[in-house]
Amino acid sequence: MQNKVAIFDFDGTLFFDTFNLNKYAMNKALEKHNLHALSEGELIQTVGDTLPDIVKRLLKTDEAQVVNDFYLGCVGHGQGA
């Protein structure tokens, strides 16, 4: 059996090469939580932060389940988009 690995890089190195995909995935996850879509400027401000830190700031929560649900929403919408 072969293992598969997905690596996410949000420090900016790969982010700008896949900007439209990242914007789509993040905004779809925000939509699921009835939050406004991020502008390009707002999205660029998240570069360098960890995804959990971004989620905590955007959703104004430290609840692990909420952060995890949002993360899974980003990952799920990013696949095949």
N, C-alpha and C. Protein backbone atom coordinates (compact mmCIF):
# COMPACT_ATOMS: atom_id res chain seq x y z
N MET A 1 0.85 -1.18 0.00
CA MET A 1 0.00 0.00 0.00
C MET A 1 0.89 1.24 0.00
N GLN A 2 0.56 2.20 -0.86
CA GLN A 2 1.31 3.44 -0.94
C GLN A 2 0.64 4.52 -0.11
N ASN A 3 1.44 5.25 0.63
CA ASN A 3 0.92 6.39 1.39
C ASN A 3 0.94 7.63 0.50
N LYS A 4 -0.06 8.47 0.69
CA LYS A 4 -0.12 9.74 -0.03
C LYS A 4 0.02 10.87 0.98
N VAL A 5 0.71 11.91 0.59
CA VAL A 5 0.95 13.03 1.48
C VAL A 5 0.57 14.32 0.77
N ALA A 6 -0.07 15.22 1.49
CA ALA A 6 -0.37 16.56 0.97
C ALA A 6 0.35 17.56 1.86
N ILE A 7 1.06 18.48 1.25
CA ILE A 7 1.80 19.48 1.99
C ILE A 7 1.23 20.85 1.67
N PHE A 8 0.93 21.62 2.71
CA PHE A 8 0.40 22.96 2.54
C PHE A 8 1.44 23.97 3.00
N ASP A 9 1.72 24.94 2.18
CA ASP A 9 2.73 25.95 2.47
C ASP A 9 2.07 27.31 2.43
N PHE A 10 1.88 27.92 3.59
CA PHE A 10 1.23 29.22 3.65
C PHE A 10 2.19 30.34 4.05
N ASP A 11 3.50 30.13 3.89
CA ASP A 11 4.42 31.21 4.24
C ASP A 11 4.64 32.17 3.08
N GLY A 12 4.02 31.90 1.96
CA GLY A 12 4.11 32.81 0.82
C GLY A 12 4.88 32.26 -0.35
N THR A 13 5.73 31.27 -0.12
CA THR A 13 6.56 30.72 -1.19
C THR A 13 5.71 30.16 -2.31
N LEU A 14 4.78 29.31 -1.99
CA LEU A 14 3.90 28.71 -3.00
C LEU A 14 2.56 29.42 -3.10
N PHE A 15 2.19 30.16 -2.09
CA PHE A 15 0.88 30.79 -2.01
C PHE A 15 0.56 31.62 -3.25
N PHE A 16 1.50 32.44 -3.67
CA PHE A 16 1.21 33.36 -4.76
C PHE A 16 1.16 32.66 -6.12
N ASP A 17 1.79 31.49 -6.22
CA ASP A 17 1.70 30.72 -7.46
C ASP A 17 0.33 30.06 -7.61
N THR A 18 -0.35 29.87 -6.51
CA THR A 18 -1.68 29.22 -6.53
C THR A 18 -2.72 30.14 -5.91
N PHE A 19 -2.55 31.44 -6.09
CA PHE A 19 -3.40 32.42 -5.41
C PHE A 19 -4.88 32.20 -5.66
N ASN A 20 -5.29 32.00 -6.90
CA ASN A 20 -6.71 31.84 -7.19
C ASN A 20 -7.30 30.60 -6.53
N LEU A 21 -6.54 29.52 -6.51
CA LEU A 21 -7.00 28.30 -5.84
C LEU A 21 -7.13 28.53 -4.34
N ASN A 22 -6.14 29.18 -3.75
CA ASN A 22 -6.18 29.46 -2.31
C ASN A 22 -7.35 30.37 -1.96
N LYS A 23 -7.58 31.38 -2.79
CA LYS A 23 -8.69 32.32 -2.57
C LYS A 23 -10.03 31.58 -2.66
N TYR A 24 -10.17 30.73 -3.64
CA TYR A 24 -11.40 29.96 -3.82
C TYR A 24 -11.66 29.06 -2.60
N ALA A 25 -10.64 28.31 -2.18
CA ALA A 25 -10.81 27.38 -1.07
C ALA A 25 -11.14 28.11 0.22
N MET A 26 -10.43 29.18 0.50
CA MET A 26 -10.67 29.94 1.73
C MET A 26 -12.05 30.55 1.73
N ASN A 27 -12.46 31.15 0.61
CA ASN A 27 -13.77 31.80 0.55
C ASN A 27 -14.92 30.80 0.58
N LYS A 28 -14.73 29.62 0.03
CA LYS A 28 -15.77 28.58 0.13
C LYS A 28 -15.95 28.15 1.58
N ALA A 29 -14.84 28.01 2.30
CA ALA A 29 -14.92 27.64 3.72
C ALA A 29 -15.57 28.76 4.53
N LEU A 30 -15.24 30.01 4.22
CA LEU A 30 -15.88 31.14 4.90
C LEU A 30 -17.38 31.16 4.64
N GLU A 31 -17.75 30.90 3.39
CA GLU A 31 -19.17 30.87 3.00
C GLU A 31 -19.94 29.85 3.83
N LYS A 32 -19.33 28.72 4.07
CA LYS A 32 -19.97 27.65 4.87
C LYS A 32 -20.31 28.15 6.28
N HIS A 33 -19.51 29.09 6.78
CA HIS A 33 -19.73 29.63 8.12
C HIS A 33 -20.44 30.99 8.07
N ASN A 34 -21.06 31.28 6.92
CA ASN A 34 -21.81 32.53 6.74
C ASN A 34 -20.97 33.77 7.00
N LEU A 35 -19.71 33.74 6.58
CA LEU A 35 -18.81 34.87 6.72
C LEU A 35 -18.53 35.47 5.35
N HIS A 36 -18.18 36.76 5.33
CA HIS A 36 -17.92 37.43 4.06
C HIS A 36 -16.65 36.88 3.40
N ALA A 37 -16.66 36.91 2.10
CA ALA A 37 -15.48 36.48 1.34
C ALA A 37 -14.34 37.46 1.57
N LEU A 38 -13.12 36.95 1.57
CA LEU A 38 -11.95 37.80 1.75
C LEU A 38 -11.58 38.47 0.43
N SER A 39 -11.22 39.73 0.53
CA SER A 39 -10.69 40.42 -0.64
C SER A 39 -9.26 39.93 -0.86
N GLU A 40 -8.68 40.28 -1.98
CA GLU A 40 -7.29 39.89 -2.23
C GLU A 40 -6.37 40.46 -1.15
N GLY A 41 -6.61 41.70 -0.76
CA GLY A 41 -5.79 42.32 0.28
C GLY A 41 -5.89 41.60 1.61
N GLU A 42 -7.13 41.24 2.00
CA GLU A 42 -7.31 40.52 3.26
C GLU A 42 -6.64 39.15 3.21
N LEU A 43 -6.74 38.50 2.07
CA LEU A 43 -6.14 37.18 1.92
C LEU A 43 -4.61 37.27 1.98
N ILE A 44 -4.05 38.28 1.36
CA ILE A 44 -2.60 38.46 1.38
C ILE A 44 -2.11 38.69 2.81
N GLN A 45 -2.93 39.35 3.64
CA GLN A 45 -2.54 39.59 5.03
C GLN A 45 -2.42 38.31 5.85
N THR A 46 -2.97 37.21 5.35
CA THR A 46 -2.89 35.94 6.09
C THR A 46 -1.60 35.18 5.79
N VAL A 47 -0.84 35.62 4.79
CA VAL A 47 0.39 34.93 4.41
C VAL A 47 1.36 34.94 5.59
N GLY A 48 1.88 33.78 5.92
CA GLY A 48 2.82 33.65 7.02
C GLY A 48 2.18 33.13 8.29
N ASP A 49 0.87 33.27 8.41
CA ASP A 49 0.15 32.74 9.57
C ASP A 49 -0.16 31.27 9.35
N THR A 50 -0.29 30.54 10.44
CA THR A 50 -0.73 29.15 10.31
C THR A 50 -2.23 29.16 10.03
N LEU A 51 -2.73 28.12 9.39
CA LEU A 51 -4.16 28.06 9.09
C LEU A 51 -5.00 28.11 10.36
N PRO A 52 -4.63 27.37 11.43
CA PRO A 52 -5.42 27.51 12.66
C PRO A 52 -5.44 28.94 13.19
N ASP A 53 -4.33 29.67 13.11
CA ASP A 53 -4.32 31.06 13.57
C ASP A 53 -5.21 31.94 12.70
N ILE A 54 -5.20 31.69 11.40
CA ILE A 54 -6.07 32.45 10.48
C ILE A 54 -7.53 32.19 10.85
N VAL A 55 -7.86 30.93 11.05
CA VAL A 55 -9.24 30.56 11.38
C VAL A 55 -9.67 31.19 12.69
N LYS A 56 -8.82 31.09 13.70
CA LYS A 56 -9.16 31.67 15.00
C LYS A 56 -9.42 33.17 14.88
N ARG A 57 -8.61 33.86 14.09
CA ARG A 57 -8.78 35.30 13.93
C ARG A 57 -10.05 35.62 13.13
N LEU A 58 -10.27 34.92 12.03
CA LEU A 58 -11.44 35.20 11.19
C LEU A 58 -12.75 34.84 11.86
N LEU A 59 -12.76 33.71 12.56
CA LEU A 59 -13.98 33.25 13.20
C LEU A 59 -14.12 33.75 14.63
N LYS A 60 -13.07 34.40 15.14
CA LYS A 60 -13.06 34.91 16.51
C LYS A 60 -13.43 33.82 17.51
N THR A 61 -12.70 32.69 17.40
CA THR A 61 -12.97 31.56 18.28
C THR A 61 -11.69 30.77 18.55
N ASP A 62 -11.67 30.11 19.69
CA ASP A 62 -10.59 29.18 20.02
C ASP A 62 -11.13 27.75 20.08
N GLU A 63 -12.41 27.56 19.73
CA GLU A 63 -13.02 26.24 19.80
C GLU A 63 -12.39 25.31 18.77
N ALA A 64 -11.79 24.23 19.26
CA ALA A 64 -11.06 23.30 18.40
C ALA A 64 -11.95 22.71 17.31
N GLN A 65 -13.19 22.38 17.61
CA GLN A 65 -14.07 21.76 16.62
C GLN A 65 -14.40 22.72 15.49
N VAL A 66 -14.63 23.99 15.82
CA VAL A 66 -14.93 25.00 14.81
C VAL A 66 -13.72 25.20 13.91
N VAL A 67 -12.54 25.29 14.51
CA VAL A 67 -11.30 25.46 13.75
C VAL A 67 -11.09 24.26 12.84
N ASN A 68 -11.30 23.05 13.36
CA ASN A 68 -11.12 21.84 12.56
C ASN A 68 -12.13 21.77 11.42
N ASP A 69 -13.39 22.09 11.67
CA ASP A 69 -14.41 22.08 10.61
C ASP A 69 -14.05 23.05 9.49
N PHE A 70 -13.57 24.23 9.87
CA PHE A 70 -13.18 25.22 8.87
C PHE A 70 -12.01 24.72 8.04
N TYR A 71 -11.02 24.16 8.73
CA TYR A 71 -9.84 23.61 8.05
C TYR A 71 -10.25 22.54 7.04
N LEU A 72 -11.12 21.63 7.47
CA LEU A 72 -11.57 20.57 6.56
C LEU A 72 -12.34 21.16 5.38
N GLY A 73 -13.05 22.25 5.61
CA GLY A 73 -13.74 22.92 4.51
C GLY A 73 -12.77 23.48 3.49
N CYS A 74 -11.67 24.05 3.96
CA CYS A 74 -10.63 24.57 3.04
C CYS A 74 -10.01 23.45 2.24
N VAL A 75 -9.64 22.40 2.93
CA VAL A 75 -8.97 21.28 2.27
C VAL A 75 -9.91 20.60 1.29
N GLY A 76 -11.15 20.38 1.68
CA GLY A 76 -12.13 19.71 0.82
C GLY A 76 -12.43 20.50 -0.44
N HIS A 77 -12.56 21.82 -0.31
CA HIS A 77 -12.87 22.65 -1.48
C HIS A 77 -11.66 22.86 -2.36
N GLY A 78 -10.48 22.70 -1.81
CA GLY A 78 -9.27 22.91 -2.59
C GLY A 78 -8.97 21.75 -3.52
N GLN A 79 -9.49 20.58 -3.20
CA GLN A 79 -9.20 19.40 -4.02
C GLN A 79 -9.97 19.46 -5.33
N GLY A 80 -9.24 19.36 -6.39
CA GLY A 80 -9.86 19.27 -7.72
C GLY A 80 -10.46 20.56 -8.22
N ALA A 81 -10.25 21.65 -7.51
CA ALA A 81 -10.86 22.92 -7.91
C ALA A 81 -10.09 23.53 -9.06
